[in-house]
Amino acid sequence: MALSLLVVSISFYLKEYISPDSDLYATLSLVSVAGVVVMVIAFSLGLGAISWIIMSEILPINIKGLAGSFATLANWFFSWLVTLTANLLLDWSSGGTFTIYTAVCVFTAGFVAIWVPETKGKTLEEIQQFFR
């Protein structure tokens, strides 16, 4: 995701210095679209599903309903916030917008790598012990 977003941001930055009549301008436009499509596919296969997987695997049974509801609310709220601010950011700077999204993506990948436990082959009790 981060690499595709970086490609999109670089292509937007380069488009500022190239004539709109140029063949390179059209190529950079296609690269931008392809980068966004690759990011959406990567999001769907990875980070998009991680919050739903975490909810089902690490939440204790006694709070799963309440905590799952809160996590779902937070997920939809931040999706709404990104959707709300995307047009404002794109009006400010297309390259800057995708640079911010790249930085957030890298931060998220680091956060997941450091703080999200591996649950493969572990029981719910072993996972809960990790958080104690």
Protein backbone atom coordinates (compact mmCIF):
# COMPACT_ATOMS: atom_id res chain seq x y z
CA MET A 1 0.00 0.00 0.00
CA ALA A 2 2.72 2.46 0.98
CA LEU A 3 4.67 1.85 -2.23
CA SER A 4 1.63 2.37 -4.43
CA LEU A 5 0.70 5.54 -2.56
CA LEU A 6 4.28 6.77 -2.91
CA VAL A 7 4.10 6.16 -6.67
CA VAL A 8 0.86 8.15 -6.83
CA SER A 9 2.30 11.06 -4.85
CA ILE A 10 5.48 11.18 -6.97
CA SER A 11 3.45 11.12 -10.18
CA PHE A 12 1.33 14.04 -8.93
CA TYR A 13 4.44 16.00 -7.97
CA LEU A 14 6.00 15.36 -11.40
CA LYS A 15 2.81 16.41 -13.21
CA GLU A 16 3.25 19.92 -11.80
CA TYR A 17 6.43 20.37 -13.87
CA ILE A 18 5.25 18.83 -17.14
CA SER A 19 3.09 20.37 -19.84
CA PRO A 20 -0.47 18.99 -19.97
CA ASP A 21 -0.03 18.43 -23.71
CA SER A 22 2.92 16.08 -23.20
CA ASP A 23 2.75 12.31 -23.61
CA LEU A 24 4.53 11.99 -20.26
CA TYR A 25 1.67 13.88 -18.61
CA ALA A 26 -0.83 11.32 -19.91
CA THR A 27 1.46 8.49 -18.80
CA LEU A 28 1.74 9.96 -15.30
CA SER A 29 -2.06 10.20 -15.18
CA LEU A 30 -2.30 6.48 -15.96
CA VAL A 31 0.38 5.71 -13.37
CA SER A 32 -1.65 7.65 -10.77
CA VAL A 33 -4.79 5.66 -11.54
CA ALA A 34 -2.90 2.36 -11.53
CA GLY A 35 -1.29 3.27 -8.19
CA VAL A 36 -4.67 3.99 -6.62
CA VAL A 37 -6.09 0.72 -7.97
CA VAL A 38 -3.12 -1.24 -6.57
CA MET A 39 -3.57 0.52 -3.21
CA VAL A 40 -7.27 -0.40 -3.08
CA ILE A 41 -6.46 -4.05 -3.89
CA ALA A 42 -3.69 -4.15 -1.28
CA PHE A 43 -5.98 -2.52 1.30
CA SER A 44 -8.71 -5.06 0.61
CA LEU A 45 -6.31 -7.97 1.00
CA GLY A 46 -4.51 -6.67 4.08
CA LEU A 47 -5.18 -3.66 6.24
CA GLY A 48 -8.88 -3.42 5.41
CA ALA A 49 -9.59 -6.76 7.01
CA ILE A 50 -7.22 -6.53 9.95
CA SER A 51 -9.59 -4.68 12.29
CA TRP A 52 -12.31 -7.30 11.75
CA ILE A 53 -9.84 -10.15 12.30
CA ILE A 54 -8.43 -8.57 15.45
CA MET A 55 -11.92 -8.11 16.89
CA SER A 56 -12.79 -11.75 16.37
CA GLU A 57 -9.49 -13.11 17.69
CA ILE A 58 -8.33 -11.03 20.64
CA LEU A 59 -11.45 -9.72 22.35
CA PRO A 60 -12.50 -11.70 25.41
CA ILE A 61 -15.91 -13.38 25.22
CA ASN A 62 -17.40 -11.33 28.07
CA ILE A 63 -16.81 -7.96 26.32
CA LYS A 64 -16.82 -9.05 22.67
CA GLY A 65 -20.24 -7.49 21.93
CA LEU A 66 -19.53 -4.10 23.51
CA ALA A 67 -15.92 -3.86 22.39
CA GLY A 68 -16.80 -5.07 18.89
CA SER A 69 -19.50 -2.40 18.65
CA PHE A 70 -17.06 0.28 19.78
CA ALA A 71 -14.38 -0.94 17.36
CA THR A 72 -16.90 -0.95 14.50
CA LEU A 73 -18.00 2.58 15.41
CA ALA A 74 -14.37 3.76 15.47
CA ASN A 75 -13.65 2.05 12.14
CA TRP A 76 -16.61 3.68 10.41
CA PHE A 77 -15.90 7.07 12.04
CA PHE A 78 -12.34 7.15 10.73
CA SER A 79 -13.50 5.99 7.30
CA TRP A 80 -15.95 8.88 7.29
CA LEU A 81 -13.20 11.29 8.44
CA VAL A 82 -10.87 10.23 5.62
CA THR A 83 -13.70 10.57 3.10
CA LEU A 84 -14.64 13.99 4.48
CA THR A 85 -11.11 15.40 4.37
CA ALA A 86 -9.94 13.81 1.10
CA ASN A 87 -11.42 16.50 -1.17
CA LEU A 88 -10.14 19.28 1.07
CA LEU A 89 -6.65 17.80 1.00
CA LEU A 90 -6.75 17.20 -2.76
CA ASP A 91 -7.71 20.85 -3.30
CA TRP A 92 -4.68 21.81 -1.22
CA SER A 93 -2.17 19.50 -2.95
CA SER A 94 -2.67 16.19 -4.72
CA GLY A 95 0.92 15.11 -4.19
CA GLY A 96 0.83 16.28 -0.57
CA THR A 97 -2.37 14.37 0.08
CA PHE A 98 -0.93 11.09 -1.09
CA THR A 99 2.32 11.80 0.77
CA ILE A 100 0.30 12.13 3.98
CA TYR A 101 -1.55 8.90 3.17
CA THR A 102 1.83 7.20 2.54
CA ALA A 103 3.15 8.36 5.92
CA VAL A 104 0.00 7.16 7.71
CA CYS A 105 0.28 3.81 5.92
CA VAL A 106 3.93 3.38 6.98
CA PHE A 107 3.06 4.34 10.57
CA THR A 108 0.18 1.85 10.58
CA ALA A 109 2.37 -0.95 9.24
CA GLY A 110 4.92 -0.24 11.96
CA PHE A 111 2.23 -0.13 14.63
CA VAL A 112 0.77 -3.46 13.49
CA ALA A 113 4.21 -5.07 13.31
CA ILE A 114 5.13 -3.94 16.82
CA TRP A 115 1.87 -4.07 18.79
CA VAL A 116 -0.46 -6.59 17.16
CA PRO A 117 0.31 -10.08 18.44
CA GLU A 118 0.64 -13.14 16.23
CA THR A 119 -2.38 -15.34 16.94
CA LYS A 120 -1.70 -18.25 14.60
CA GLY A 121 -1.97 -21.54 16.51
CA LYS A 122 -2.79 -19.86 19.86
CA THR A 123 -5.85 -20.33 21.99
CA LEU A 124 -7.99 -17.40 23.16
CA GLU A 125 -6.56 -17.81 26.66
CA GLU A 126 -2.97 -17.55 25.35
CA ILE A 127 -3.88 -14.42 23.41
CA GLN A 128 -5.52 -12.86 26.46
CA GLN A 129 -2.45 -13.68 28.55
CA PHE A 130 -0.36 -11.62 26.10
CA PHE A 131 -2.34 -8.49 27.03
CA ARG A 132 -2.06 -8.96 30.79
